[in-house]
């Protein structure tokens, strides 16, 4: 009975690792598509320029919002699978931290998506005051703050339960410091989205890609352990 339970745990771990890896990878790919479809944005941040850019690139911008919506759904899959691994290791507090920070990140992401989609809509109407307000709103939504919380939670969970290598957990904590600086710049800066904030998001995408690759590799190791248990 105990051998059978051990095999089930190992097999479930391999499945959860692969699911988490695929969720993180799909998010990365779709978010990159989102940024590429958005382009470089208007040359000037005046309401007239923003409206003209949104009208001229309406189809691409709306497609980018579809991409980011699907990316956020992929995050839910990633968080659910990763959290199950943490709970299997008996780290319920860390599992709760990952769940809460992940849920807030997804919620802020959908709020940002709604603001950006509304911005495209009001640009057609030529309401410059609404354009200015929505542009400020979508740029000030604290996405990078939630990325900071999620990265810290994932890194600590990775260090304590070891589904990730130690260097990647440490790198995540260091990256979280960069994200904090980007978040502060977004709040204190004159422009709604500074280069430091964009750099922080880009760094998160690279870090999450490494997380996905390491989880996939760990899934292979867990699968081999499962096969070895079956043979015994």
Protein backbone atom coordinates (compact mmCIF):
# COMPACT_ATOMS: atom_id res chain seq x y z
CA UNK A 1 0.00 0.00 0.00
CA UNK A 2 2.77 2.45 0.92
CA UNK A 3 4.63 1.68 -2.32
CA UNK A 4 1.48 2.36 -4.32
CA UNK A 5 0.95 5.66 -2.50
CA UNK A 6 4.57 6.68 -3.18
CA UNK A 7 4.19 5.95 -6.89
CA UNK A 8 0.99 8.00 -7.03
CA UNK A 9 2.69 10.96 -5.33
CA UNK A 10 5.65 10.87 -7.72
CA UNK A 11 3.38 10.56 -10.76
CA UNK A 12 1.20 13.44 -9.54
CA UNK A 13 4.32 15.53 -8.97
CA UNK A 14 5.52 14.91 -12.53
CA UNK A 15 2.11 15.85 -13.91
CA UNK A 16 1.94 19.02 -11.78
CA UNK A 17 5.47 20.03 -12.78
CA UNK A 18 4.68 19.66 -16.48
CA UNK A 19 1.39 21.55 -16.10
CA UNK A 20 3.07 24.40 -14.25
CA UNK A 21 5.86 24.54 -16.83
CA UNK A 22 3.40 24.67 -19.73
CA UNK A 23 1.30 27.34 -18.01
CA UNK A 24 4.35 29.56 -17.47
CA UNK A 25 5.60 29.00 -21.02
CA UNK A 26 2.21 29.76 -22.61
CA UNK A 27 1.96 32.95 -20.55
CA UNK A 28 5.40 34.07 -21.73
CA UNK A 29 4.63 33.41 -25.39
CA UNK A 30 1.23 35.09 -25.33
CA UNK A 31 2.51 38.10 -23.39
CA UNK A 32 5.29 38.60 -25.94
CA UNK A 33 2.65 38.44 -28.69
CA UNK A 34 0.66 41.04 -26.75
CA UNK A 35 3.60 43.44 -26.58
CA UNK A 36 4.51 42.96 -30.23
CA UNK A 37 0.94 43.67 -31.35
CA UNK A 38 0.86 46.82 -29.22
CA UNK A 39 3.88 48.22 -31.00
CA UNK A 40 5.90 51.17 -29.76
CA UNK A 41 2.87 53.34 -29.06
CA UNK A 42 2.21 56.96 -30.10
CA UNK A 43 5.12 59.36 -30.56
CA UNK A 44 3.50 61.87 -28.23
CA UNK A 45 1.39 61.29 -25.12
CA UNK A 46 -1.18 63.95 -26.00
CA UNK A 47 -4.83 62.81 -26.19
CA UNK A 48 -4.94 63.61 -29.91
CA UNK A 49 -1.86 61.49 -30.68
CA UNK A 50 -3.07 58.64 -28.48
CA UNK A 51 -6.48 58.68 -30.17
CA UNK A 52 -4.92 58.73 -33.64
CA UNK A 53 -2.63 55.81 -32.80
CA UNK A 54 -5.44 53.73 -31.33
CA UNK A 55 -7.72 54.35 -34.30
CA UNK A 56 -4.96 53.53 -36.80
CA UNK A 57 -3.98 50.31 -34.99
CA UNK A 58 -7.39 49.29 -33.66
CA UNK A 59 -7.36 45.68 -34.90
CA UNK A 60 -3.82 44.96 -33.69
CA UNK A 61 -4.50 46.53 -30.29
CA UNK A 62 -7.69 44.54 -29.75
CA UNK A 63 -5.88 41.36 -30.82
CA UNK A 64 -3.19 42.17 -28.27
CA UNK A 65 -5.83 42.36 -25.54
CA UNK A 66 -7.15 38.94 -26.55
CA UNK A 67 -3.59 37.62 -26.30
CA UNK A 68 -3.04 39.05 -22.83
CA UNK A 69 -6.40 37.69 -21.66
CA UNK A 70 -5.38 34.19 -22.73
CA UNK A 71 -1.97 34.73 -21.12
CA UNK A 72 -3.64 35.51 -17.79
CA UNK A 73 -5.70 32.33 -18.04
CA UNK A 74 -2.43 30.44 -18.50
CA UNK A 75 -1.14 32.03 -15.28
CA UNK A 76 -4.10 30.52 -13.42
CA UNK A 77 -3.07 27.08 -14.67
CA UNK A 78 0.54 27.74 -13.64
CA UNK A 79 -0.40 28.94 -10.15
CA UNK A 80 -2.80 26.06 -9.53
CA UNK A 81 -0.23 23.43 -10.52
CA UNK A 82 2.68 25.09 -8.70
CA UNK A 83 0.62 25.53 -5.54
CA UNK A 84 -0.26 21.83 -5.50
CA UNK A 85 3.47 21.03 -5.45
CA UNK A 86 4.03 23.35 -2.50
CA UNK A 87 1.15 21.82 -0.55
CA UNK A 88 2.51 18.31 -1.24
CA UNK A 89 5.74 19.48 0.41
CA UNK A 90 3.75 20.58 3.49
CA UNK A 91 4.37 24.32 3.03
CA UNK A 92 0.80 25.56 3.39
CA UNK A 93 1.72 29.15 4.26
CA UNK A 94 3.91 29.49 1.17
CA UNK A 95 1.19 27.87 -0.92
CA UNK A 96 -1.28 30.48 0.35
CA UNK A 97 1.18 33.29 -0.41
CA UNK A 98 1.63 32.05 -3.99
CA UNK A 99 -2.12 31.65 -4.44
CA UNK A 100 -2.97 35.11 -3.11
CA UNK A 101 -0.19 36.94 -4.98
CA UNK A 102 -1.04 35.05 -8.16
CA UNK A 103 -4.74 35.85 -7.83
CA UNK A 104 -4.02 39.56 -7.30
CA UNK A 105 -1.65 39.57 -10.30
CA UNK A 106 -4.32 38.01 -12.53
CA UNK A 107 -6.99 40.41 -11.22
CA UNK A 108 -4.82 43.47 -11.87
CA UNK A 109 -4.00 42.07 -15.29
CA UNK A 110 -7.66 41.82 -16.25
CA UNK A 111 -8.34 45.32 -14.90
CA UNK A 112 -5.48 46.63 -17.04
CA UNK A 113 -6.85 44.74 -20.03
CA UNK A 114 -10.28 46.30 -19.49
CA UNK A 115 -8.78 49.81 -19.29
CA UNK A 116 -6.71 49.31 -22.45
CA UNK A 117 -9.69 47.90 -24.34
CA UNK A 118 -11.86 50.81 -23.21
CA UNK A 119 -9.13 53.21 -24.35
CA UNK A 120 -9.34 51.77 -27.86
CA UNK A 121 -13.12 52.17 -27.76
CA UNK A 122 -13.22 55.81 -26.65
CA UNK A 123 -10.52 56.74 -29.16
CA UNK A 124 -13.06 56.14 -31.93
CA UNK A 125 -15.48 58.54 -30.26
CA UNK A 126 -12.91 61.33 -30.12
CA UNK A 127 -13.45 62.01 -26.41
CA UNK A 128 -10.04 63.38 -25.49
CA UNK A 129 -10.78 63.75 -21.78
CA UNK A 130 -11.77 60.06 -21.56
CA UNK A 131 -8.70 59.10 -23.58
CA UNK A 132 -6.43 60.97 -21.18
CA UNK A 133 -8.09 59.47 -18.10
CA UNK A 134 -8.01 55.89 -19.40
CA UNK A 135 -4.43 56.26 -20.60
CA UNK A 136 -3.39 57.39 -17.14
CA UNK A 137 -5.39 54.57 -15.53
CA UNK A 138 -3.98 51.74 -17.63
CA UNK A 139 -0.46 53.04 -17.08
CA UNK A 140 -0.86 53.44 -13.30
CA UNK A 141 -2.45 50.08 -12.49
CA UNK A 142 0.07 48.46 -10.10
CA UNK A 143 0.90 45.42 -12.22
CA UNK A 144 4.61 45.49 -11.35
CA UNK A 145 3.81 45.62 -7.62
CA UNK A 146 1.87 42.37 -8.02
CA UNK A 147 4.72 40.90 -10.08
CA UNK A 148 7.03 41.71 -7.16
CA UNK A 149 4.82 39.89 -4.67
CA UNK A 150 4.35 36.88 -6.96
CA UNK A 151 8.07 36.60 -7.72
CA UNK A 152 9.01 36.73 -4.02
CA UNK A 153 6.40 34.09 -3.15
CA UNK A 154 7.46 31.79 -5.98
CA UNK A 155 11.15 32.22 -5.18
CA UNK A 156 10.71 31.49 -1.48
CA UNK A 157 8.55 28.49 -2.29
CA UNK A 158 11.15 27.27 -4.74
CA UNK A 159 13.93 27.63 -2.18
CA UNK A 160 12.01 25.83 0.57
CA UNK A 161 10.47 22.99 -1.47
CA UNK A 162 13.19 22.70 -4.15
CA UNK A 163 11.14 22.32 -7.36
CA UNK A 164 13.51 25.05 -8.60
CA UNK A 165 17.32 25.25 -8.35
CA UNK A 166 18.68 27.46 -5.58
CA UNK A 167 20.28 29.91 -8.02
CA UNK A 168 16.94 30.56 -9.72
CA UNK A 169 15.22 31.21 -6.39
CA UNK A 170 17.95 33.66 -5.40
CA UNK A 171 17.78 35.30 -8.82
CA UNK A 172 14.04 35.73 -8.35
CA UNK A 173 14.53 37.53 -5.05
CA UNK A 174 17.12 39.82 -6.62
CA UNK A 175 14.82 40.47 -9.57
CA UNK A 176 12.04 41.39 -7.14
CA UNK A 177 14.25 44.24 -5.94
CA UNK A 178 14.44 45.52 -9.51
CA UNK A 179 10.65 45.22 -9.81
CA UNK A 180 10.22 47.37 -6.70
CA UNK A 181 12.33 50.12 -8.27
CA UNK A 182 10.25 49.90 -11.45
CA UNK A 183 7.05 50.11 -9.40
CA UNK A 184 8.28 53.17 -7.55
CA UNK A 185 9.28 54.79 -10.82
CA UNK A 186 5.80 54.16 -12.22
CA UNK A 187 4.20 55.81 -9.19
CA UNK A 188 6.60 58.75 -8.83
CA UNK A 189 7.52 59.36 -12.47
CA UNK A 190 5.99 62.05 -14.65
CA UNK A 191 5.29 59.58 -17.44
CA UNK A 192 2.77 56.79 -16.87
CA UNK A 193 5.14 53.97 -17.85
CA UNK A 194 8.85 54.53 -17.54
CA UNK A 195 11.63 52.48 -19.09
CA UNK A 196 12.47 50.99 -15.68
CA UNK A 197 8.96 49.61 -15.38
CA UNK A 198 9.15 48.05 -18.85
CA UNK A 199 12.57 46.62 -18.01
CA UNK A 200 11.09 45.06 -14.88
CA UNK A 201 8.31 43.34 -16.83
CA UNK A 202 10.83 42.09 -19.39
CA UNK A 203 13.02 40.70 -16.62
CA UNK A 204 10.01 38.89 -15.15
CA UNK A 205 9.28 37.29 -18.53
CA UNK A 206 12.87 36.00 -18.79
CA UNK A 207 12.86 34.74 -15.19
CA UNK A 208 9.52 32.97 -15.66
CA UNK A 209 10.85 31.32 -18.82
CA UNK A 210 13.75 29.91 -16.80
CA UNK A 211 11.25 28.72 -14.19
CA UNK A 212 9.28 26.91 -16.92
CA UNK A 213 12.41 25.21 -18.27
CA UNK A 214 13.54 24.11 -14.81
CA UNK A 215 10.09 22.77 -13.93
CA UNK A 216 9.97 20.78 -17.18
CA UNK A 217 13.38 19.31 -16.41
CA UNK A 218 12.26 18.43 -12.88
CA UNK A 219 9.19 16.74 -14.35
CA UNK A 220 11.47 14.49 -16.40
CA UNK A 221 13.37 13.52 -13.27
CA UNK A 222 10.12 12.80 -11.39
CA UNK A 223 8.88 10.66 -14.28
CA UNK A 224 12.08 8.58 -14.19
CA UNK A 225 11.65 8.10 -10.44
CA UNK A 226 8.09 6.96 -11.05
CA UNK A 227 9.24 4.40 -13.61
CA UNK A 228 11.88 3.16 -11.19
CA UNK A 229 9.23 2.72 -8.49
CA UNK A 230 7.06 0.73 -10.90
CA UNK A 231 9.94 -1.63 -11.65
CA UNK A 232 10.64 -2.37 -7.99
